[in-house]
All heavy atoms as atom14 arrays in JSON, in Angstrom:
{
  "sequence": "IEHMSSGLTDLLKTGFSMFMKVNRPHPGDHPLLIIFMVGGVSVS",
  "atom14_mask": [
    [1, 1, 1, 1, 1, 1, 1, 1, 0, 0, 0, 0, 0, 0],
    [1, 1, 1, 1, 1, 1, 1, 1, 1, 0, 0, 0, 0, 0],
    [1, 1, 1, 1, 1, 1, 1, 1, 1, 1, 0, 0, 0, 0],
    [1, 1, 1, 1, 1, 1, 1, 1, 0, 0, 0, 0, 0, 0],
    [1, 1, 1, 1, 1, 1, 0, 0, 0, 0, 0, 0, 0, 0],
    [1, 1, 1, 1, 1, 1, 0, 0, 0, 0, 0, 0, 0, 0],
    [1, 1, 1, 1, 0, 0, 0, 0, 0, 0, 0, 0, 0, 0],
    [1, 1, 1, 1, 1, 1, 1, 1, 0, 0, 0, 0, 0, 0],
    [1, 1, 1, 1, 1, 1, 1, 0, 0, 0, 0, 0, 0, 0],
    [1, 1, 1, 1, 1, 1, 1, 1, 0, 0, 0, 0, 0, 0],
    [1, 1, 1, 1, 1, 1, 1, 1, 0, 0, 0, 0, 0, 0],
    [1, 1, 1, 1, 1, 1, 1, 1, 0, 0, 0, 0, 0, 0],
    [1, 1, 1, 1, 1, 1, 1, 1, 1, 0, 0, 0, 0, 0],
    [1, 1, 1, 1, 1, 1, 1, 0, 0, 0, 0, 0, 0, 0],
    [1, 1, 1, 1, 0, 0, 0, 0, 0, 0, 0, 0, 0, 0],
    [1, 1, 1, 1, 1, 1, 1, 1, 1, 1, 1, 0, 0, 0],
    [1, 1, 1, 1, 1, 1, 0, 0, 0, 0, 0, 0, 0, 0],
    [1, 1, 1, 1, 1, 1, 1, 1, 0, 0, 0, 0, 0, 0],
    [1, 1, 1, 1, 1, 1, 1, 1, 1, 1, 1, 0, 0, 0],
    [1, 1, 1, 1, 1, 1, 1, 1, 0, 0, 0, 0, 0, 0],
    [1, 1, 1, 1, 1, 1, 1, 1, 1, 0, 0, 0, 0, 0],
    [1, 1, 1, 1, 1, 1, 1, 0, 0, 0, 0, 0, 0, 0],
    [1, 1, 1, 1, 1, 1, 1, 1, 0, 0, 0, 0, 0, 0],
    [1, 1, 1, 1, 1, 1, 1, 1, 1, 1, 1, 0, 0, 0],
    [1, 1, 1, 1, 1, 1, 1, 0, 0, 0, 0, 0, 0, 0],
    [1, 1, 1, 1, 1, 1, 1, 1, 1, 1, 0, 0, 0, 0],
    [1, 1, 1, 1, 1, 1, 1, 0, 0, 0, 0, 0, 0, 0],
    [1, 1, 1, 1, 0, 0, 0, 0, 0, 0, 0, 0, 0, 0],
    [1, 1, 1, 1, 1, 1, 1, 1, 0, 0, 0, 0, 0, 0],
    [1, 1, 1, 1, 1, 1, 1, 1, 1, 1, 0, 0, 0, 0],
    [1, 1, 1, 1, 1, 1, 1, 0, 0, 0, 0, 0, 0, 0],
    [1, 1, 1, 1, 1, 1, 1, 1, 0, 0, 0, 0, 0, 0],
    [1, 1, 1, 1, 1, 1, 1, 1, 0, 0, 0, 0, 0, 0],
    [1, 1, 1, 1, 1, 1, 1, 1, 0, 0, 0, 0, 0, 0],
    [1, 1, 1, 1, 1, 1, 1, 1, 0, 0, 0, 0, 0, 0],
    [1, 1, 1, 1, 1, 1, 1, 1, 1, 1, 1, 0, 0, 0],
    [1, 1, 1, 1, 1, 1, 1, 1, 0, 0, 0, 0, 0, 0],
    [1, 1, 1, 1, 1, 1, 1, 0, 0, 0, 0, 0, 0, 0],
    [1, 1, 1, 1, 0, 0, 0, 0, 0, 0, 0, 0, 0, 0],
    [1, 1, 1, 1, 0, 0, 0, 0, 0, 0, 0, 0, 0, 0],
    [1, 1, 1, 1, 1, 1, 1, 0, 0, 0, 0, 0, 0, 0],
    [1, 1, 1, 1, 1, 1, 0, 0, 0, 0, 0, 0, 0, 0],
    [1, 1, 1, 1, 1, 1, 1, 0, 0, 0, 0, 0, 0, 0],
    [1, 1, 1, 1, 1, 1, 0, 0, 0, 0, 0, 0, 0, 0]
  ],
  "atom14_positions": [
    [[-219.22, 161.29, 149.46], [-218.42, 162.4, 149.98], [-217.42, 162.78, 148.89], [-216.62, 161.96, 148.47], [-217.66, 162.0, 151.27], [-218.65, 161.55, 152.34], [-216.82, 163.15, 151.77], [-218.0, 160.96, 153.57], [0.0, 0.0, 0.0], [0.0, 0.0, 0.0], [0.0, 0.0, 0.0], [0.0, 0.0, 0.0], [0.0, 0.0, 0.0], [0.0, 0.0, 0.0]],
    [[-217.49, 164.03, 148.45], [-216.63, 164.46, 147.36], [-215.51, 165.35, 147.88], [-215.72, 166.14, 148.79], [-217.43, 165.23, 146.32], [-218.41, 164.36, 145.56], [-219.09, 165.12, 144.45], [-218.52, 166.12, 143.97], [-220.2, 164.73, 144.09], [0.0, 0.0, 0.0], [0.0, 0.0, 0.0], [0.0, 0.0, 0.0], [0.0, 0.0, 0.0], [0.0, 0.0, 0.0]],
    [[-214.35, 165.19, 147.27], [-213.23, 166.06, 147.59], [-213.3, 167.29, 146.7], [-213.44, 167.17, 145.48], [-211.91, 165.33, 147.37], [-210.72, 166.22, 147.53], [-210.3, 166.67, 148.76], [-209.88, 166.77, 146.62], [-209.24, 167.45, 148.6], [-208.98, 167.52, 147.31], [0.0, 0.0, 0.0], [0.0, 0.0, 0.0], [0.0, 0.0, 0.0], [0.0, 0.0, 0.0]],
    [[-213.24, 168.45, 147.29], [-213.24, 169.69, 146.53], [-211.79, 170.15, 146.36], [-211.1, 170.39, 147.34], [-214.05, 170.77, 147.26], [-215.49, 170.37, 147.54], [-216.42, 169.95, 146.08], [-216.63, 171.54, 145.36], [0.0, 0.0, 0.0], [0.0, 0.0, 0.0], [0.0, 0.0, 0.0], [0.0, 0.0, 0.0], [0.0, 0.0, 0.0], [0.0, 0.0, 0.0]],
    [[-211.35, 170.26, 145.13], [-209.97, 170.64, 144.86], [-209.74, 172.1, 145.21], [-210.57, 172.96, 144.97], [-209.66, 170.45, 143.37], [-209.78, 169.11, 143.01], [0.0, 0.0, 0.0], [0.0, 0.0, 0.0], [0.0, 0.0, 0.0], [0.0, 0.0, 0.0], [0.0, 0.0, 0.0], [0.0, 0.0, 0.0], [0.0, 0.0, 0.0], [0.0, 0.0, 0.0]],
    [[-208.55, 172.33, 145.78], [-208.16, 173.7, 146.08], [-206.64, 173.77, 146.04], [-205.95, 172.84, 146.39], [-208.67, 174.13, 147.46], [-208.07, 173.35, 148.46], [0.0, 0.0, 0.0], [0.0, 0.0, 0.0], [0.0, 0.0, 0.0], [0.0, 0.0, 0.0], [0.0, 0.0, 0.0], [0.0, 0.0, 0.0], [0.0, 0.0, 0.0], [0.0, 0.0, 0.0]],
    [[-206.14, 174.86, 145.59], [-204.7, 175.03, 145.52], [-204.11, 174.48, 144.23], [-204.75, 173.73, 143.49], [0.0, 0.0, 0.0], [0.0, 0.0, 0.0], [0.0, 0.0, 0.0], [0.0, 0.0, 0.0], [0.0, 0.0, 0.0], [0.0, 0.0, 0.0], [0.0, 0.0, 0.0], [0.0, 0.0, 0.0], [0.0, 0.0, 0.0], [0.0, 0.0, 0.0]],
    [[-202.87, 174.83, 143.98], [-202.19, 174.45, 142.74], [-201.94, 172.95, 142.67], [-202.13, 172.33, 141.62], [-200.87, 175.22, 142.62], [-200.07, 174.96, 141.34], [-200.9, 175.36, 140.13], [-198.77, 175.72, 141.37], [0.0, 0.0, 0.0], [0.0, 0.0, 0.0], [0.0, 0.0, 0.0], [0.0, 0.0, 0.0], [0.0, 0.0, 0.0], [0.0, 0.0, 0.0]],
    [[-201.55, 172.32, 143.79], [-201.27, 170.89, 143.78], [-202.5, 170.09, 143.42], [-202.45, 169.18, 142.58], [-200.76, 170.44, 145.17], [-199.64, 171.25, 145.53], [-200.36, 168.98, 145.16], [0.0, 0.0, 0.0], [0.0, 0.0, 0.0], [0.0, 0.0, 0.0], [0.0, 0.0, 0.0], [0.0, 0.0, 0.0], [0.0, 0.0, 0.0], [0.0, 0.0, 0.0]],
    [[-203.65, 170.43, 144.03], [-204.89, 169.72, 143.72], [-205.33, 169.98, 142.29], [-205.88, 169.1, 141.63], [-206.0, 170.11, 144.69], [-205.81, 169.52, 146.07], [-205.1, 168.5, 146.17], [-206.35, 170.08, 147.04], [0.0, 0.0, 0.0], [0.0, 0.0, 0.0], [0.0, 0.0, 0.0], [0.0, 0.0, 0.0], [0.0, 0.0, 0.0], [0.0, 0.0, 0.0]],
    [[-205.1, 171.18, 141.8], [-205.46, 171.5, 140.42], [-204.64, 170.66, 139.44], [-205.16, 170.14, 138.46], [-205.25, 172.99, 140.16], [-205.67, 173.51, 138.79], [-207.17, 173.32, 138.6], [-205.32, 174.98, 138.65], [0.0, 0.0, 0.0], [0.0, 0.0, 0.0], [0.0, 0.0, 0.0], [0.0, 0.0, 0.0], [0.0, 0.0, 0.0], [0.0, 0.0, 0.0]],
    [[-203.33, 170.5, 139.72], [-202.48, 169.67, 138.86], [-202.92, 168.2, 138.92], [-202.95, 167.52, 137.89], [-201.02, 169.8, 139.27], [-200.38, 171.16, 138.96], [-198.99, 171.24, 139.55], [-200.34, 171.38, 137.46], [0.0, 0.0, 0.0], [0.0, 0.0, 0.0], [0.0, 0.0, 0.0], [0.0, 0.0, 0.0], [0.0, 0.0, 0.0], [0.0, 0.0, 0.0]],
    [[-203.26, 167.71, 140.13], [-203.72, 166.32, 140.26], [-204.99, 166.11, 139.45], [-205.17, 165.09, 138.8], [-203.99, 165.97, 141.71], [-202.75, 165.71, 142.52], [-203.15, 165.31, 143.93], [-201.94, 165.13, 144.81], [-202.32, 164.8, 146.19], [0.0, 0.0, 0.0], [0.0, 0.0, 0.0], [0.0, 0.0, 0.0], [0.0, 0.0, 0.0], [0.0, 0.0, 0.0]],
    [[-205.91, 167.09, 139.5], [-207.15, 166.98, 138.75], [-206.86, 166.95, 137.25], [-207.45, 166.17, 136.51], [-208.08, 168.16, 139.08], [-208.31, 168.19, 140.48], [-209.4, 168.04, 138.37], [0.0, 0.0, 0.0], [0.0, 0.0, 0.0], [0.0, 0.0, 0.0], [0.0, 0.0, 0.0], [0.0, 0.0, 0.0], [0.0, 0.0, 0.0], [0.0, 0.0, 0.0]],
    [[-205.93, 167.77, 136.79], [-205.57, 167.78, 135.38], [-204.93, 166.48, 134.93], [-205.26, 165.95, 133.87], [0.0, 0.0, 0.0], [0.0, 0.0, 0.0], [0.0, 0.0, 0.0], [0.0, 0.0, 0.0], [0.0, 0.0, 0.0], [0.0, 0.0, 0.0], [0.0, 0.0, 0.0], [0.0, 0.0, 0.0], [0.0, 0.0, 0.0], [0.0, 0.0, 0.0]],
    [[-204.02, 165.93, 135.76], [-203.36, 164.68, 135.4], [-204.3, 163.49, 135.5], [-204.08, 162.46, 134.87], [-202.14, 164.43, 136.3], [-200.95, 165.25, 135.9], [-200.37, 166.13, 136.81], [-200.41, 165.16, 134.63], [-199.27, 166.89, 136.45], [-199.31, 165.91, 134.26], [-198.74, 166.78, 135.17], [0.0, 0.0, 0.0], [0.0, 0.0, 0.0], [0.0, 0.0, 0.0]],
    [[-205.39, 163.62, 136.28], [-206.31, 162.49, 136.42], [-207.02, 162.17, 135.11], [-207.57, 161.09, 134.95], [-207.34, 162.76, 137.52], [-208.21, 163.8, 137.13], [0.0, 0.0, 0.0], [0.0, 0.0, 0.0], [0.0, 0.0, 0.0], [0.0, 0.0, 0.0], [0.0, 0.0, 0.0], [0.0, 0.0, 0.0], [0.0, 0.0, 0.0], [0.0, 0.0, 0.0]],
    [[-207.0, 163.11, 134.15], [-207.59, 162.82, 132.84], [-206.75, 161.82, 132.07], [-207.25, 161.1, 131.23], [-207.73, 164.11, 132.03], [-208.76, 165.06, 132.57], [-208.89, 166.47, 131.47], [-208.73, 167.8, 132.62], [0.0, 0.0, 0.0], [0.0, 0.0, 0.0], [0.0, 0.0, 0.0], [0.0, 0.0, 0.0], [0.0, 0.0, 0.0], [0.0, 0.0, 0.0]],
    [[-205.44, 161.78, 132.35], [-204.53, 160.93, 131.59], [-204.11, 159.68, 132.34], [-203.72, 158.7, 131.75], [-203.28, 161.72, 131.21], [-203.6, 162.98, 130.48], [-203.42, 164.22, 131.08], [-204.1, 162.94, 129.18], [-203.71, 165.39, 130.41], [-204.39, 164.1, 128.5], [-204.2, 165.34, 129.11], [0.0, 0.0, 0.0], [0.0, 0.0, 0.0], [0.0, 0.0, 0.0]],
    [[-204.14, 159.71, 133.67], [-203.71, 158.56, 134.46], [-204.54, 158.45, 135.73], [-205.23, 159.38, 136.11], [-202.22, 158.68, 134.81], [-201.89, 159.89, 135.66], [-200.18, 160.04, 136.09], [-199.43, 160.38, 134.55], [0.0, 0.0, 0.0], [0.0, 0.0, 0.0], [0.0, 0.0, 0.0], [0.0, 0.0, 0.0], [0.0, 0.0, 0.0], [0.0, 0.0, 0.0]],
    [[-204.45, 157.31, 136.37], [-205.22, 157.06, 137.59], [-204.56, 157.8, 138.75], [-203.44, 157.51, 139.15], [-205.24, 155.55, 137.87], [-205.88, 155.16, 139.16], [-207.38, 155.11, 139.03], [-207.98, 154.5, 140.28], [-208.94, 155.29, 140.91], [0.0, 0.0, 0.0], [0.0, 0.0, 0.0], [0.0, 0.0, 0.0], [0.0, 0.0, 0.0], [0.0, 0.0, 0.0]],
    [[-205.27, 158.78, 139.29], [-204.8, 159.55, 140.45], [-205.85, 159.42, 141.53], [-207.03, 159.69, 141.29], [-204.59, 161.04, 140.08], [-204.18, 161.84, 141.3], [-203.54, 161.17, 138.99], [0.0, 0.0, 0.0], [0.0, 0.0, 0.0], [0.0, 0.0, 0.0], [0.0, 0.0, 0.0], [0.0, 0.0, 0.0], [0.0, 0.0, 0.0], [0.0, 0.0, 0.0]],
    [[-205.43, 158.97, 142.7], [-206.38, 158.83, 143.8], [-206.7, 160.18, 144.4], [-205.81, 161.0, 144.63], [-205.8, 157.93, 144.9], [-205.7, 156.5, 144.46], [-206.42, 156.07, 143.57], [-204.81, 155.76, 145.08], [0.0, 0.0, 0.0], [0.0, 0.0, 0.0], [0.0, 0.0, 0.0], [0.0, 0.0, 0.0], [0.0, 0.0, 0.0], [0.0, 0.0, 0.0]],
    [[-208.0, 160.37, 144.62], [-208.41, 161.59, 145.31], [-208.05, 161.46, 146.78], [-208.05, 160.35, 147.33], [-209.92, 161.79, 145.18], [-210.38, 162.04, 143.77], [-211.86, 162.29, 143.74], [-212.58, 161.15, 144.33], [-213.87, 161.12, 144.5], [-214.63, 162.14, 144.17], [-214.46, 160.06, 145.02], [0.0, 0.0, 0.0], [0.0, 0.0, 0.0], [0.0, 0.0, 0.0]],
    [[-207.8, 162.57, 147.45], [-207.52, 162.49, 148.89], [-208.74, 161.97, 149.65], [-209.87, 162.29, 149.3], [-207.23, 163.93, 149.28], [-206.92, 164.64, 148.01], [-207.64, 163.91, 146.93], [0.0, 0.0, 0.0], [0.0, 0.0, 0.0], [0.0, 0.0, 0.0], [0.0, 0.0, 0.0], [0.0, 0.0, 0.0], [0.0, 0.0, 0.0], [0.0, 0.0, 0.0]],
    [[-208.52, 161.15, 150.64], [-209.58, 160.61, 151.48], [-209.78, 161.58, 152.65], [-208.81, 162.08, 153.21], [-209.19, 159.23, 151.98], [-210.31, 158.5, 152.62], [-210.7, 158.73, 153.91], [-211.15, 157.55, 152.15], [-211.72, 157.95, 154.22], [-212.01, 157.22, 153.16], [0.0, 0.0, 0.0], [0.0, 0.0, 0.0], [0.0, 0.0, 0.0], [0.0, 0.0, 0.0]],
    [[-211.02, 161.87, 153.04], [-211.25, 162.81, 154.14], [-210.6, 162.37, 155.44], [-210.24, 163.19, 156.27], [-212.77, 162.83, 154.3], [-213.32, 162.27, 153.06], [-212.28, 161.4, 152.45], [0.0, 0.0, 0.0], [0.0, 0.0, 0.0], [0.0, 0.0, 0.0], [0.0, 0.0, 0.0], [0.0, 0.0, 0.0], [0.0, 0.0, 0.0], [0.0, 0.0, 0.0]],
    [[-210.39, 161.08, 155.62], [-209.78, 160.58, 156.85], [-208.27, 160.69, 156.87], [-207.64, 160.35, 157.87], [0.0, 0.0, 0.0], [0.0, 0.0, 0.0], [0.0, 0.0, 0.0], [0.0, 0.0, 0.0], [0.0, 0.0, 0.0], [0.0, 0.0, 0.0], [0.0, 0.0, 0.0], [0.0, 0.0, 0.0], [0.0, 0.0, 0.0], [0.0, 0.0, 0.0]],
    [[-207.66, 161.16, 155.78], [-206.19, 161.28, 155.73], [-205.67, 162.45, 156.54], [-204.49, 162.5, 156.86], [-205.73, 161.44, 154.28], [-205.96, 160.19, 153.45], [-206.17, 159.12, 154.06], [-205.96, 160.29, 152.21], [0.0, 0.0, 0.0], [0.0, 0.0, 0.0], [0.0, 0.0, 0.0], [0.0, 0.0, 0.0], [0.0, 0.0, 0.0], [0.0, 0.0, 0.0]],
    [[-206.5, 163.37, 156.84], [-206.06, 164.59, 157.51], [-206.13, 164.45, 159.03], [-207.01, 163.77, 159.55], [-206.91, 165.78, 157.05], [-206.85, 165.98, 155.57], [-205.77, 166.55, 154.94], [-207.72, 165.64, 154.59], [-205.98, 166.58, 153.64], [-207.15, 166.02, 153.39], [0.0, 0.0, 0.0], [0.0, 0.0, 0.0], [0.0, 0.0, 0.0], [0.0, 0.0, 0.0]],
    [[-205.21, 165.08, 159.75], [-205.21, 164.97, 161.21], [-206.29, 165.82, 161.89], [-206.5, 165.71, 163.1], [-203.83, 165.47, 161.61], [-203.42, 166.37, 160.5], [-204.06, 165.83, 159.25], [0.0, 0.0, 0.0], [0.0, 0.0, 0.0], [0.0, 0.0, 0.0], [0.0, 0.0, 0.0], [0.0, 0.0, 0.0], [0.0, 0.0, 0.0], [0.0, 0.0, 0.0]],
    [[-206.99, 166.65, 161.12], [-208.04, 167.49, 161.67], [-209.32, 167.26, 160.87], [-209.34, 167.36, 159.65], [-207.65, 168.97, 161.58], [-208.71, 169.99, 161.99], [-209.05, 169.85, 163.47], [-208.24, 171.4, 161.69], [0.0, 0.0, 0.0], [0.0, 0.0, 0.0], [0.0, 0.0, 0.0], [0.0, 0.0, 0.0], [0.0, 0.0, 0.0], [0.0, 0.0, 0.0]],
    [[-210.4, 166.92, 161.58], [-211.69, 166.7, 160.96], [-212.65, 167.76, 161.47], [-212.86, 167.88, 162.67], [-212.22, 165.3, 161.32], [-213.61, 164.93, 160.84], [-213.69, 164.95, 159.33], [-213.99, 163.56, 161.39], [0.0, 0.0, 0.0], [0.0, 0.0, 0.0], [0.0, 0.0, 0.0], [0.0, 0.0, 0.0], [0.0, 0.0, 0.0], [0.0, 0.0, 0.0]],
    [[-213.2, 168.55, 160.54], [-214.16, 169.59, 160.9], [-215.51, 169.19, 160.33], [-215.64, 168.98, 159.12], [-213.74, 170.97, 160.37], [-212.38, 171.37, 160.94], [-214.79, 172.02, 160.7], [-211.79, 172.62, 160.34], [0.0, 0.0, 0.0], [0.0, 0.0, 0.0], [0.0, 0.0, 0.0], [0.0, 0.0, 0.0], [0.0, 0.0, 0.0], [0.0, 0.0, 0.0]],
    [[-216.51, 169.08, 161.2], [-217.86, 168.73, 160.78], [-218.77, 169.89, 161.15], [-218.77, 170.34, 162.3], [-218.35, 167.45, 161.48], [-217.45, 166.28, 161.1], [-219.8, 167.17, 161.15], [-217.77, 165.0, 161.85], [0.0, 0.0, 0.0], [0.0, 0.0, 0.0], [0.0, 0.0, 0.0], [0.0, 0.0, 0.0], [0.0, 0.0, 0.0], [0.0, 0.0, 0.0]],
    [[-219.51, 170.4, 160.16], [-220.48, 171.47, 160.41], [-221.86, 170.92, 160.13], [-222.15, 170.49, 159.02], [-220.2, 172.7, 159.54], [-221.09, 173.86, 159.9], [-220.74, 174.71, 160.92], [-222.29, 174.05, 159.24], [-221.57, 175.77, 161.28], [-223.13, 175.1, 159.58], [-222.77, 175.96, 160.61], [0.0, 0.0, 0.0], [0.0, 0.0, 0.0], [0.0, 0.0, 0.0]],
    [[-222.71, 170.96, 161.13], [-224.09, 170.45, 161.0], [-225.04, 171.63, 160.83], [-225.25, 172.4, 161.76], [-224.48, 169.65, 162.24], [-223.68, 168.39, 162.45], [-224.0, 167.16, 161.18], [-225.69, 166.78, 161.51], [0.0, 0.0, 0.0], [0.0, 0.0, 0.0], [0.0, 0.0, 0.0], [0.0, 0.0, 0.0], [0.0, 0.0, 0.0], [0.0, 0.0, 0.0]],
    [[-225.6, 171.76, 159.64], [-226.59, 172.79, 159.39], [-227.91, 172.33, 160.01], [-228.32, 171.19, 159.82], [-226.78, 173.02, 157.87], [-227.89, 174.0, 157.6], [-225.47, 173.48, 157.25], [0.0, 0.0, 0.0], [0.0, 0.0, 0.0], [0.0, 0.0, 0.0], [0.0, 0.0, 0.0], [0.0, 0.0, 0.0], [0.0, 0.0, 0.0], [0.0, 0.0, 0.0]],
    [[-228.55, 173.21, 160.77], [-229.83, 172.87, 161.37], [-229.73, 172.43, 162.8], [-230.73, 172.31, 163.48], [0.0, 0.0, 0.0], [0.0, 0.0, 0.0], [0.0, 0.0, 0.0], [0.0, 0.0, 0.0], [0.0, 0.0, 0.0], [0.0, 0.0, 0.0], [0.0, 0.0, 0.0], [0.0, 0.0, 0.0], [0.0, 0.0, 0.0], [0.0, 0.0, 0.0]],
    [[-228.54, 172.16, 163.28], [-228.39, 171.84, 164.68], [-227.78, 170.48, 164.94], [-227.83, 169.58, 164.11], [0.0, 0.0, 0.0], [0.0, 0.0, 0.0], [0.0, 0.0, 0.0], [0.0, 0.0, 0.0], [0.0, 0.0, 0.0], [0.0, 0.0, 0.0], [0.0, 0.0, 0.0], [0.0, 0.0, 0.0], [0.0, 0.0, 0.0], [0.0, 0.0, 0.0]],
    [[-227.2, 170.37, 166.12], [-226.6, 169.12, 166.58], [-226.87, 169.01, 168.08], [-226.91, 170.02, 168.78], [-225.09, 169.07, 166.26], [-224.31, 170.09, 167.05], [-224.52, 167.69, 166.47], [0.0, 0.0, 0.0], [0.0, 0.0, 0.0], [0.0, 0.0, 0.0], [0.0, 0.0, 0.0], [0.0, 0.0, 0.0], [0.0, 0.0, 0.0], [0.0, 0.0, 0.0]],
    [[-227.08, 167.8, 168.54], [-227.32, 167.59, 169.97], [-226.01, 167.22, 170.66], [-225.04, 166.81, 170.01], [-228.36, 166.5, 170.19], [-227.85, 165.25, 169.8], [0.0, 0.0, 0.0], [0.0, 0.0, 0.0], [0.0, 0.0, 0.0], [0.0, 0.0, 0.0], [0.0, 0.0, 0.0], [0.0, 0.0, 0.0], [0.0, 0.0, 0.0], [0.0, 0.0, 0.0]],
    [[-226.0, 167.32, 171.97], [-224.81, 166.97, 172.75], [-224.49, 165.49, 172.57], [-223.31, 165.11, 172.45], [-225.02, 167.32, 174.25], [-223.87, 166.82, 175.09], [-225.19, 168.82, 174.42], [0.0, 0.0, 0.0], [0.0, 0.0, 0.0], [0.0, 0.0, 0.0], [0.0, 0.0, 0.0], [0.0, 0.0, 0.0], [0.0, 0.0, 0.0], [0.0, 0.0, 0.0]],
    [[-225.5, 164.64, 172.52], [-225.26, 163.21, 172.34], [-224.64, 162.9, 170.97], [-223.82, 161.99, 170.85], [-226.55, 162.41, 172.54], [-227.51, 162.77, 171.6], [0.0, 0.0, 0.0], [0.0, 0.0, 0.0], [0.0, 0.0, 0.0], [0.0, 0.0, 0.0], [0.0, 0.0, 0.0], [0.0, 0.0, 0.0], [0.0, 0.0, 0.0], [0.0, 0.0, 0.0]]
  ]
}
């Protein structure tokens, strides 16, 4: 699962990650999780 950078803050973090260890954001850190299933999803 890859984090896609967006916005100025993420762009700066990506730039600084070349020089120092910067942790990428974890998808579970956010209070809202959006999952889109291409091809369909069942109720179960």
